Amino acid sequence: MEEAVTALLLADARLAALIGNRVHWGRVPQGAARPYLILQLISGVPDYASAGRTGLEQSRLQLDAYAESAAVAKAISVAASDALEKARGTYDGVRLQGAFIDGRRDSQPDSTSGAALVFRRSTDLIIWHS
């Protein structure tokens, strides 16, 4: 599912205009330029029916948009979640069947040793895929 989400986000023109190809899983590479998007799989749960697994899976994905302004962090978050919510079809061999926002939150800006402030907007999505 990770490869499919990455491919979908990198192909989105609105998101690319904001962050280029700076989509990272888990953690950002040291020295990476801002703004960027970090993705993290929080959970993945297979769907079951009485006969066993259906082949469908529900995954909780956290998107963290980092930028030097709150407005840009929000714009990145909205562009990424919009792209995933609208996606239906097969991407990189994975069939995306629906994505739904489950929560959004802003974090207090952070600064390390006098560096520029960094703003973060987090979005949780539930993604159904097979």
C-alpha atoms as a PDB file:
ATOM      1  CA  MET A   1       0.000   0.000   0.000  1.00  0.00           C
ATOM      2  CA  GLU A   2       2.899   2.368   0.762  1.00  0.00           C
ATOM      3  CA  GLU A   3       4.174   2.292  -2.829  1.00  0.00           C
ATOM      4  CA  ALA A   4       0.682   2.974  -4.198  1.00  0.00           C
ATOM      5  CA  VAL A   5       0.157   5.966  -1.901  1.00  0.00           C
ATOM      6  CA  THR A   6       3.592   7.338  -2.763  1.00  0.00           C
ATOM      7  CA  ALA A   7       2.972   6.983  -6.514  1.00  0.00           C
ATOM      8  CA  LEU A   8      -0.418   8.652  -6.229  1.00  0.00           C
ATOM      9  CA  LEU A   9       0.916  11.591  -4.202  1.00  0.00           C
ATOM     10  CA  LEU A  10       3.955  12.138  -6.429  1.00  0.00           C
ATOM     11  CA  ALA A  11       1.660  12.245  -9.479  1.00  0.00           C
ATOM     12  CA  ASP A  12      -0.584  14.949  -7.996  1.00  0.00           C
ATOM     13  CA  ALA A  13       0.193  18.319  -9.643  1.00  0.00           C
ATOM     14  CA  ARG A  14      -1.235  20.394  -6.788  1.00  0.00           C
ATOM     15  CA  LEU A  15       0.925  18.638  -4.204  1.00  0.00           C
ATOM     16  CA  ALA A  16       3.999  18.687  -6.461  1.00  0.00           C
ATOM     17  CA  ALA A  17       3.690  22.472  -6.762  1.00  0.00           C
ATOM     18  CA  LEU A  18       3.965  22.689  -2.962  1.00  0.00           C
ATOM     19  CA  ILE A  19       6.618  20.072  -2.122  1.00  0.00           C
ATOM     20  CA  GLY A  20       8.069  18.716  -5.358  1.00  0.00           C
ATOM     21  CA  ASN A  21       8.980  15.071  -4.722  1.00  0.00           C
ATOM     22  CA  ARG A  22       9.605  15.436  -0.969  1.00  0.00           C
ATOM     23  CA  VAL A  23       7.338  12.617   0.232  1.00  0.00           C
ATOM     24  CA  HIS A  24       9.027  10.488   2.900  1.00  0.00           C
ATOM     25  CA  TRP A  25       7.965   7.426   4.919  1.00  0.00           C
ATOM     26  CA  GLY A  26       8.737   7.250   8.644  1.00  0.00           C
ATOM     27  CA  ARG A  27      11.324   9.985   8.905  1.00  0.00           C
ATOM     28  CA  VAL A  28      12.818  12.708   6.828  1.00  0.00           C
ATOM     29  CA  PRO A  29      16.367  12.295   5.531  1.00  0.00           C
ATOM     30  CA  GLN A  30      18.882  14.424   7.395  1.00  0.00           C
ATOM     31  CA  GLY A  31      19.299  17.837   5.805  1.00  0.00           C
ATOM     32  CA  ALA A  32      16.150  17.573   3.666  1.00  0.00           C
ATOM     33  CA  ALA A  33      14.738  20.881   2.488  1.00  0.00           C
ATOM     34  CA  ARG A  34      11.315  22.037   3.658  1.00  0.00           C
ATOM     35  CA  PRO A  35       8.473  21.879   2.972  1.00  0.00           C
ATOM     36  CA  TYR A  36       7.894  18.125   2.938  1.00  0.00           C
ATOM     37  CA  LEU A  37       5.413  15.407   3.800  1.00  0.00           C
ATOM     38  CA  ILE A  38       6.100  12.482   6.127  1.00  0.00           C
ATOM     39  CA  LEU A  39       3.815   9.432   5.981  1.00  0.00           C
ATOM     40  CA  GLN A  40       3.466   6.764   8.615  1.00  0.00           C
ATOM     41  CA  LEU A  41       1.369   3.616   8.615  1.00  0.00           C
ATOM     42  CA  ILE A  42      -0.270   3.546  12.052  1.00  0.00           C
ATOM     43  CA  SER A  43      -2.207   0.299  11.628  1.00  0.00           C
ATOM     44  CA  GLY A  44      -3.376  -2.163   9.017  1.00  0.00           C
ATOM     45  CA  VAL A  45      -6.281  -4.510   9.647  1.00  0.00           C
ATOM     46  CA  PRO A  46      -7.492  -7.197   7.226  1.00  0.00           C
ATOM     47  CA  ASP A  47     -11.234  -7.399   6.599  1.00  0.00           C
ATOM     48  CA  TYR A  48     -12.965 -10.688   7.454  1.00  0.00           C
ATOM     49  CA  ALA A  49     -16.222 -12.394   6.528  1.00  0.00           C
ATOM     50  CA  SER A  50     -17.495 -15.735   7.807  1.00  0.00           C
ATOM     51  CA  ALA A  51     -15.417 -17.544   5.163  1.00  0.00           C
ATOM     52  CA  GLY A  52     -12.210 -15.760   6.210  1.00  0.00           C
ATOM     53  CA  ARG A  53     -10.267 -12.817   4.798  1.00  0.00           C
ATOM     54  CA  THR A  54     -12.015 -10.861   2.057  1.00  0.00           C
ATOM     55  CA  GLY A  55      -8.829  -9.493   0.492  1.00  0.00           C
ATOM     56  CA  LEU A  56      -9.741  -5.975   1.595  1.00  0.00           C
ATOM     57  CA  GLU A  57      -7.654  -4.135   4.185  1.00  0.00           C
ATOM     58  CA  GLN A  58      -8.252  -1.051   6.290  1.00  0.00           C
ATOM     59  CA  SER A  59      -5.135   1.015   6.992  1.00  0.00           C
ATOM     60  CA  ARG A  60      -4.741   4.079   9.177  1.00  0.00           C
ATOM     61  CA  LEU A  61      -2.247   6.480   7.618  1.00  0.00           C
ATOM     62  CA  GLN A  62      -0.842   9.573   9.303  1.00  0.00           C
ATOM     63  CA  LEU A  63       0.317  12.418   7.049  1.00  0.00           C
ATOM     64  CA  ASP A  64       2.530  15.082   8.643  1.00  0.00           C
ATOM     65  CA  ALA A  65       3.093  18.229   6.577  1.00  0.00           C
ATOM     66  CA  TYR A  66       6.075  20.348   7.646  1.00  0.00           C
ATOM     67  CA  ALA A  67       6.685  23.911   6.466  1.00  0.00           C
ATOM     68  CA  GLU A  68       8.001  27.253   7.635  1.00  0.00           C
ATOM     69  CA  SER A  69       4.488  28.711   7.804  1.00  0.00           C
ATOM     70  CA  ALA A  70       1.214  27.370   9.144  1.00  0.00           C
ATOM     71  CA  ALA A  71      -0.548  28.271   5.895  1.00  0.00           C
ATOM     72  CA  VAL A  72       1.832  26.207   3.749  1.00  0.00           C
ATOM     73  CA  ALA A  73       1.686  23.234   6.155  1.00  0.00           C
ATOM     74  CA  LYS A  74      -2.116  23.353   5.943  1.00  0.00           C
ATOM     75  CA  ALA A  75      -2.062  23.638   2.133  1.00  0.00           C
ATOM     76  CA  ILE A  76       0.204  20.575   1.867  1.00  0.00           C
ATOM     77  CA  SER A  77      -2.017  18.595   4.221  1.00  0.00           C
ATOM     78  CA  VAL A  78      -5.180  19.525   2.323  1.00  0.00           C
ATOM     79  CA  ALA A  79      -3.651  18.766  -1.086  1.00  0.00           C
ATOM     80  CA  ALA A  80      -2.377  15.347   0.043  1.00  0.00           C
ATOM     81  CA  SER A  81      -5.603  14.310   1.761  1.00  0.00           C
ATOM     82  CA  ASP A  82      -7.710  15.569  -1.197  1.00  0.00           C
ATOM     83  CA  ALA A  83      -5.617  13.480  -3.610  1.00  0.00           C
ATOM     84  CA  LEU A  84      -6.094  10.362  -1.487  1.00  0.00           C
ATOM     85  CA  GLU A  85      -9.815  10.958  -0.874  1.00  0.00           C
ATOM     86  CA  LYS A  86     -10.468  11.267  -4.626  1.00  0.00           C
ATOM     87  CA  ALA A  87      -8.366   8.239  -5.598  1.00  0.00           C
ATOM     88  CA  ARG A  88     -10.173   5.190  -6.871  1.00  0.00           C
ATOM     89  CA  GLY A  89      -8.398   2.598  -8.928  1.00  0.00           C
ATOM     90  CA  THR A  90      -5.172   0.648  -9.112  1.00  0.00           C
ATOM     91  CA  TYR A  91      -1.865   2.327  -8.354  1.00  0.00           C
ATOM     92  CA  ASP A  92       1.399   0.423  -8.375  1.00  0.00           C
ATOM     93  CA  GLY A  93      -0.520  -2.868  -8.207  1.00  0.00           C
ATOM     94  CA  VAL A  94      -2.717  -1.884  -5.245  1.00  0.00           C
ATOM     95  CA  ARG A  95      -6.430  -1.168  -5.649  1.00  0.00           C
ATOM     96  CA  LEU A  96      -7.387   1.911  -3.620  1.00  0.00           C
ATOM     97  CA  GLN A  97     -11.093   1.768  -2.846  1.00  0.00           C
ATOM     98  CA  GLY A  98     -11.615   4.732  -0.541  1.00  0.00           C
ATOM     99  CA  ALA A  99      -9.883   7.128   1.825  1.00  0.00           C
ATOM    100  CA  PHE A 100     -11.602   9.027   4.610  1.00  0.00           C
ATOM    101  CA  ILE A 101     -10.238  11.714   6.919  1.00  0.00           C
ATOM    102  CA  ASP A 102     -10.407  10.607  10.543  1.00  0.00           C
ATOM    103  CA  GLY A 103      -8.842  13.674  12.159  1.00  0.00           C
ATOM    104  CA  ARG A 104      -6.664  16.749  11.705  1.00  0.00           C
ATOM    105  CA  ARG A 105      -4.503  18.608  14.172  1.00  0.00           C
ATOM    106  CA  ASP A 106      -1.936  21.371  14.247  1.00  0.00           C
ATOM    107  CA  SER A 107       1.194  21.247  16.383  1.00  0.00           C
ATOM    108  CA  GLN A 108       2.865  24.177  18.054  1.00  0.00           C
ATOM    109  CA  PRO A 109       5.681  25.543  15.908  1.00  0.00           C
ATOM    110  CA  ASP A 110       9.078  24.236  16.871  1.00  0.00           C
ATOM    111  CA  SER A 111      12.507  25.788  16.568  1.00  0.00           C
ATOM    112  CA  THR A 112      15.857  24.198  17.317  1.00  0.00           C
ATOM    113  CA  SER A 113      18.771  26.380  18.441  1.00  0.00           C
ATOM    114  CA  GLY A 114      17.475  29.590  16.913  1.00  0.00           C
ATOM    115  CA  ALA A 115      16.599  28.093  13.515  1.00  0.00           C
ATOM    116  CA  ALA A 116      13.460  29.083  11.616  1.00  0.00           C
ATOM    117  CA  LEU A 117      10.133  28.001  13.068  1.00  0.00           C
ATOM    118  CA  VAL A 118       8.740  24.734  11.716  1.00  0.00           C
ATOM    119  CA  PHE A 119       4.974  24.235  11.553  1.00  0.00           C
ATOM    120  CA  ARG A 120       3.261  20.842  11.353  1.00  0.00           C
ATOM    121  CA  ARG A 121      -0.247  19.829  10.299  1.00  0.00           C
ATOM    122  CA  SER A 122      -1.144  16.166  10.879  1.00  0.00           C
ATOM    123  CA  THR A 123      -3.990  14.315   9.163  1.00  0.00           C
ATOM    124  CA  ASP A 124      -5.165  10.778   9.896  1.00  0.00           C
ATOM    125  CA  LEU A 125      -6.810   8.891   7.037  1.00  0.00           C
ATOM    126  CA  ILE A 126      -8.527   5.534   6.903  1.00  0.00           C
ATOM    127  CA  ILE A 127      -7.711   3.894   3.580  1.00  0.00           C
ATOM    128  CA  TRP A 128      -9.504   0.838   2.200  1.00  0.00           C
ATOM    129  CA  HIS A 129      -7.400  -1.131  -0.275  1.00  0.00           C
ATOM    130  CA  SER A 130      -6.791  -4.587  -1.713  1.00  0.00           C
END
